[in-house]
């Protein structure tokens, strides 16, 4: 992340965005590397459509999370619609959220 961009892990964890979404499958990396570009457009894509990445808070640190393997299996879309509302997730693309 560049110095001029503000980033806070805790808000992403609180909103149910898994570590794997940004960092990749670190459990399968013999050495850490950057899985995604982490550039502004990449971040904005998730902020525009967080439903693809949201998961239950207790699964944020789970690598290889699959909602169809939960106790009550469901699709990502089904789970996302419930969690987006429950966690009050809004797809914010307000520039001042990251550029302060």
N, C-alpha and C. Protein backbone atom coordinates (compact mmCIF):
# COMPACT_ATOMS: atom_id res chain seq x y z
N UNK A 1 0.83 -1.19 0.00
CA UNK A 1 0.00 0.00 0.00
C UNK A 1 0.87 1.25 0.00
N UNK A 2 0.55 2.19 -0.85
CA UNK A 2 1.31 3.44 -0.82
C UNK A 2 1.01 4.22 0.46
N UNK A 3 1.93 5.07 0.84
CA UNK A 3 1.79 5.84 2.07
C UNK A 3 0.57 6.77 2.06
N UNK A 4 0.16 7.23 0.88
CA UNK A 4 -0.96 8.18 0.82
C UNK A 4 -2.33 7.48 0.91
N UNK A 5 -2.36 6.16 0.95
CA UNK A 5 -3.62 5.43 1.07
C UNK A 5 -3.76 4.88 2.48
N UNK A 6 -4.90 5.14 3.09
CA UNK A 6 -5.19 4.63 4.43
C UNK A 6 -5.80 3.25 4.30
N UNK A 7 -5.34 2.31 5.10
CA UNK A 7 -5.91 0.97 5.10
C UNK A 7 -5.98 0.48 6.53
N UNK A 8 -7.10 -0.13 6.88
CA UNK A 8 -7.31 -0.66 8.23
C UNK A 8 -7.80 -2.10 8.11
N UNK A 9 -6.99 -3.05 8.55
CA UNK A 9 -7.39 -4.45 8.50
C UNK A 9 -8.66 -4.70 9.32
N UNK A 10 -8.77 -4.07 10.47
CA UNK A 10 -9.85 -4.41 11.40
C UNK A 10 -11.25 -4.18 10.82
N UNK A 11 -11.43 -3.13 10.03
CA UNK A 11 -12.76 -2.91 9.45
C UNK A 11 -13.11 -3.99 8.44
N UNK A 12 -12.11 -4.47 7.71
CA UNK A 12 -12.34 -5.55 6.75
C UNK A 12 -12.68 -6.85 7.47
N UNK A 13 -11.97 -7.16 8.54
CA UNK A 13 -12.25 -8.35 9.35
C UNK A 13 -13.66 -8.24 9.95
N UNK A 14 -13.98 -7.08 10.50
CA UNK A 14 -15.30 -6.86 11.12
C UNK A 14 -16.43 -7.04 10.10
N UNK A 15 -16.18 -6.67 8.86
CA UNK A 15 -17.21 -6.78 7.82
C UNK A 15 -17.20 -8.13 7.12
N UNK A 16 -16.32 -9.06 7.55
CA UNK A 16 -16.35 -10.41 7.03
C UNK A 16 -15.57 -10.64 5.74
N UNK A 17 -14.57 -9.83 5.50
CA UNK A 17 -13.73 -10.04 4.32
C UNK A 17 -12.53 -10.88 4.73
N UNK A 18 -12.42 -12.05 4.15
CA UNK A 18 -11.38 -13.00 4.54
C UNK A 18 -9.99 -12.57 4.13
N UNK A 19 -9.01 -12.94 4.92
CA UNK A 19 -7.60 -12.65 4.62
C UNK A 19 -7.23 -13.15 3.23
N UNK A 20 -7.74 -14.31 2.90
CA UNK A 20 -7.45 -14.95 1.61
C UNK A 20 -7.88 -14.08 0.43
N UNK A 21 -8.91 -13.27 0.61
CA UNK A 21 -9.41 -12.43 -0.47
C UNK A 21 -8.34 -11.49 -1.02
N UNK A 22 -7.49 -10.99 -0.14
CA UNK A 22 -6.43 -10.06 -0.55
C UNK A 22 -5.06 -10.73 -0.61
N UNK A 23 -4.79 -11.58 0.36
CA UNK A 23 -3.45 -12.15 0.50
C UNK A 23 -3.26 -13.48 -0.21
N UNK A 24 -4.34 -14.09 -0.67
CA UNK A 24 -4.24 -15.39 -1.30
C UNK A 24 -4.10 -16.51 -0.28
N UNK A 25 -3.87 -17.71 -0.77
CA UNK A 25 -3.76 -18.90 0.08
C UNK A 25 -2.38 -18.97 0.72
N UNK A 26 -2.17 -18.17 1.76
CA UNK A 26 -0.86 -18.11 2.41
C UNK A 26 -0.48 -19.45 3.02
N UNK A 27 -1.46 -20.29 3.32
CA UNK A 27 -1.16 -21.61 3.87
C UNK A 27 -0.51 -22.53 2.84
N UNK A 28 -0.57 -22.15 1.57
CA UNK A 28 0.02 -22.96 0.51
C UNK A 28 1.25 -22.29 -0.12
N UNK A 29 1.73 -21.22 0.49
CA UNK A 29 2.89 -20.50 -0.04
C UNK A 29 4.13 -20.87 0.76
N UNK A 30 5.13 -21.49 0.14
CA UNK A 30 6.36 -21.79 0.87
C UNK A 30 7.08 -20.50 1.28
N UNK A 31 6.95 -19.47 0.47
CA UNK A 31 7.42 -18.12 0.78
C UNK A 31 6.28 -17.18 0.47
N UNK A 32 6.15 -16.12 1.25
CA UNK A 32 5.07 -15.17 1.00
C UNK A 32 5.34 -14.36 -0.26
N UNK A 33 4.31 -14.17 -1.06
CA UNK A 33 4.39 -13.28 -2.20
C UNK A 33 3.07 -12.54 -2.32
N UNK A 34 3.06 -11.51 -3.14
CA UNK A 34 1.84 -10.73 -3.33
C UNK A 34 0.97 -11.45 -4.35
N UNK A 35 -0.19 -11.90 -3.92
CA UNK A 35 -1.11 -12.65 -4.76
C UNK A 35 -1.85 -11.74 -5.74
N UNK A 36 -2.20 -10.54 -5.30
CA UNK A 36 -2.97 -9.61 -6.12
C UNK A 36 -2.23 -8.28 -6.20
N UNK A 37 -2.63 -7.46 -7.16
CA UNK A 37 -1.92 -6.20 -7.39
C UNK A 37 -2.07 -5.22 -6.23
N UNK A 38 -3.21 -5.25 -5.54
CA UNK A 38 -3.54 -4.30 -4.48
C UNK A 38 -3.53 -2.85 -4.98
N UNK A 39 -3.71 -2.67 -6.27
CA UNK A 39 -3.80 -1.30 -6.78
C UNK A 39 -5.22 -0.78 -6.58
N UNK A 40 -5.41 0.48 -6.84
CA UNK A 40 -6.69 1.12 -6.54
C UNK A 40 -7.84 0.46 -7.28
N UNK A 41 -7.70 0.16 -8.53
CA UNK A 41 -8.79 -0.44 -9.30
C UNK A 41 -9.15 -1.83 -8.76
N UNK A 42 -8.14 -2.57 -8.31
CA UNK A 42 -8.40 -3.89 -7.73
C UNK A 42 -9.23 -3.73 -6.45
N UNK A 43 -8.86 -2.80 -5.60
CA UNK A 43 -9.61 -2.55 -4.36
C UNK A 43 -11.03 -2.08 -4.67
N UNK A 44 -11.16 -1.17 -5.62
CA UNK A 44 -12.48 -0.65 -5.98
C UNK A 44 -13.41 -1.74 -6.51
N UNK A 45 -12.86 -2.71 -7.21
CA UNK A 45 -13.69 -3.81 -7.73
C UNK A 45 -14.37 -4.54 -6.57
N UNK A 46 -13.65 -4.77 -5.49
CA UNK A 46 -14.23 -5.42 -4.32
C UNK A 46 -15.21 -4.49 -3.61
N UNK A 47 -14.86 -3.23 -3.50
CA UNK A 47 -15.75 -2.27 -2.85
C UNK A 47 -17.05 -2.11 -3.62
N UNK A 48 -17.02 -2.27 -4.93
CA UNK A 48 -18.23 -2.17 -5.74
C UNK A 48 -19.10 -3.41 -5.61
N UNK A 49 -18.49 -4.57 -5.38
CA UNK A 49 -19.23 -5.82 -5.28
C UNK A 49 -18.64 -6.71 -4.18
N UNK A 50 -18.82 -6.32 -2.92
CA UNK A 50 -18.24 -7.11 -1.82
C UNK A 50 -18.89 -8.47 -1.62
N UNK A 51 -20.03 -8.71 -2.25
CA UNK A 51 -20.74 -9.98 -2.08
C UNK A 51 -19.89 -11.19 -2.50
N UNK A 52 -18.99 -10.99 -3.41
CA UNK A 52 -18.14 -12.09 -3.89
C UNK A 52 -17.15 -12.55 -2.82
N UNK A 53 -16.86 -11.70 -1.85
CA UNK A 53 -15.78 -11.97 -0.91
C UNK A 53 -16.22 -12.11 0.55
N UNK A 54 -17.42 -11.70 0.86
CA UNK A 54 -17.86 -11.71 2.26
C UNK A 54 -18.08 -13.14 2.75
N UNK A 55 -17.80 -13.33 4.03
CA UNK A 55 -17.99 -14.64 4.67
C UNK A 55 -18.31 -14.40 6.14
N UNK A 56 -18.76 -15.42 6.85
CA UNK A 56 -19.02 -15.24 8.28
C UNK A 56 -17.74 -14.80 9.00
N UNK A 57 -17.88 -13.94 9.98
CA UNK A 57 -16.71 -13.43 10.70
C UNK A 57 -15.84 -14.55 11.27
N UNK A 58 -16.47 -15.61 11.72
CA UNK A 58 -15.68 -16.71 12.29
C UNK A 58 -14.88 -17.48 11.24
N UNK A 59 -15.10 -17.17 9.96
CA UNK A 59 -14.39 -17.83 8.86
C UNK A 59 -13.38 -16.91 8.17
N UNK A 60 -13.19 -15.71 8.70
CA UNK A 60 -12.29 -14.74 8.07
C UNK A 60 -10.87 -15.28 7.91
N UNK A 61 -10.40 -16.04 8.88
CA UNK A 61 -9.03 -16.56 8.84
C UNK A 61 -8.93 -17.95 8.22
N UNK A 62 -10.05 -18.51 7.78
CA UNK A 62 -10.07 -19.85 7.19
C UNK A 62 -9.60 -19.79 5.74
N UNK A 63 -8.56 -20.52 5.45
CA UNK A 63 -8.07 -20.62 4.08
C UNK A 63 -8.90 -21.67 3.33
N UNK A 64 -9.26 -21.38 2.10
CA UNK A 64 -10.06 -22.31 1.30
C UNK A 64 -11.51 -22.38 1.74
N UNK A 65 -12.01 -21.29 2.33
CA UNK A 65 -13.40 -21.26 2.79
C UNK A 65 -14.35 -21.54 1.64
N UNK A 66 -15.34 -22.39 1.90
CA UNK A 66 -16.35 -22.75 0.91
C UNK A 66 -17.70 -22.77 1.62
N UNK A 67 -18.61 -21.85 1.29
CA UNK A 67 -19.89 -21.79 1.98
C UNK A 67 -20.73 -23.06 1.81
N UNK A 68 -20.45 -23.82 0.78
CA UNK A 68 -21.21 -25.05 0.56
C UNK A 68 -20.78 -26.16 1.51
N UNK A 69 -19.69 -25.95 2.26
CA UNK A 69 -19.23 -26.94 3.24
C UNK A 69 -19.63 -26.57 4.66
N UNK A 70 -20.40 -25.53 4.81
CA UNK A 70 -20.84 -25.10 6.14
C UNK A 70 -21.87 -26.09 6.69
N UNK A 71 -22.19 -25.96 7.98
CA UNK A 71 -23.20 -26.82 8.60
C UNK A 71 -24.52 -26.73 7.83
N UNK A 72 -24.87 -25.54 7.44
CA UNK A 72 -26.05 -25.32 6.61
C UNK A 72 -25.54 -24.83 5.25
N UNK A 73 -25.30 -25.74 4.31
CA UNK A 73 -24.71 -25.35 3.03
C UNK A 73 -25.56 -24.34 2.27
N UNK A 74 -24.89 -23.41 1.63
CA UNK A 74 -25.57 -22.42 0.78
C UNK A 74 -24.57 -21.89 -0.23
N UNK A 75 -25.07 -21.24 -1.23
CA UNK A 75 -24.19 -20.65 -2.24
C UNK A 75 -23.59 -19.35 -1.70
N UNK A 76 -22.54 -18.88 -2.36
CA UNK A 76 -21.94 -17.61 -1.97
C UNK A 76 -22.97 -16.49 -2.07
N UNK A 77 -23.79 -16.50 -3.11
CA UNK A 77 -24.79 -15.46 -3.30
C UNK A 77 -25.82 -15.46 -2.18
N UNK A 78 -26.28 -16.64 -1.77
CA UNK A 78 -27.26 -16.74 -0.68
C UNK A 78 -26.66 -16.24 0.63
N UNK A 79 -25.46 -16.70 0.91
CA UNK A 79 -24.79 -16.29 2.14
C UNK A 79 -24.51 -14.79 2.14
N UNK A 80 -24.05 -14.28 1.01
CA UNK A 80 -23.69 -12.86 0.90
C UNK A 80 -24.88 -11.95 1.15
N UNK A 81 -26.03 -12.31 0.60
CA UNK A 81 -27.19 -11.43 0.78
C UNK A 81 -27.54 -11.29 2.26
N UNK A 82 -27.40 -12.36 3.02
CA UNK A 82 -27.67 -12.30 4.46
C UNK A 82 -26.59 -11.52 5.21
N UNK A 83 -25.32 -11.80 4.88
CA UNK A 83 -24.22 -11.17 5.61
C UNK A 83 -24.07 -9.68 5.28
N UNK A 84 -24.30 -9.29 4.05
CA UNK A 84 -24.20 -7.87 3.69
C UNK A 84 -25.16 -7.05 4.55
N UNK A 85 -26.35 -7.58 4.75
CA UNK A 85 -27.33 -6.89 5.59
C UNK A 85 -26.95 -6.97 7.06
N UNK A 86 -26.60 -8.16 7.53
CA UNK A 86 -26.28 -8.35 8.95
C UNK A 86 -25.09 -7.52 9.39
N UNK A 87 -24.07 -7.40 8.53
CA UNK A 87 -22.85 -6.67 8.87
C UNK A 87 -22.89 -5.21 8.43
N UNK A 88 -24.01 -4.78 7.86
CA UNK A 88 -24.19 -3.40 7.40
C UNK A 88 -23.08 -3.00 6.43
N UNK A 89 -22.83 -3.86 5.46
CA UNK A 89 -21.79 -3.59 4.46
C UNK A 89 -22.39 -2.75 3.34
N UNK A 90 -21.69 -1.66 3.06
CA UNK A 90 -22.07 -0.79 1.96
C UNK A 90 -20.89 -0.73 1.01
N UNK A 91 -21.12 -0.90 -0.25
CA UNK A 91 -20.04 -0.86 -1.23
C UNK A 91 -19.54 0.56 -1.42
N UNK A 92 -18.77 1.04 -0.49
CA UNK A 92 -18.30 2.43 -0.52
C UNK A 92 -17.15 2.63 -1.51
N UNK A 93 -17.31 3.61 -2.36
CA UNK A 93 -16.22 4.02 -3.26
C UNK A 93 -15.91 5.50 -3.06
N UNK A 94 -16.18 5.98 -1.86
CA UNK A 94 -15.89 7.37 -1.51
C UNK A 94 -14.36 7.53 -1.41
N UNK A 95 -13.80 8.44 -2.18
CA UNK A 95 -12.35 8.63 -2.22
C UNK A 95 -11.74 8.90 -0.86
N UNK A 96 -12.46 9.64 0.00
CA UNK A 96 -11.89 10.01 1.29
C UNK A 96 -11.79 8.85 2.27
N UNK A 97 -12.38 7.71 1.95
CA UNK A 97 -12.25 6.54 2.82
C UNK A 97 -10.81 6.05 2.86
N UNK A 98 -10.13 6.14 1.74
CA UNK A 98 -8.73 5.67 1.66
C UNK A 98 -7.73 6.81 1.51
N UNK A 99 -8.16 7.89 0.90
CA UNK A 99 -7.27 9.03 0.66
C UNK A 99 -7.62 10.12 1.66
N UNK A 100 -6.84 10.15 2.75
CA UNK A 100 -7.14 11.11 3.83
C UNK A 100 -6.06 12.16 3.92
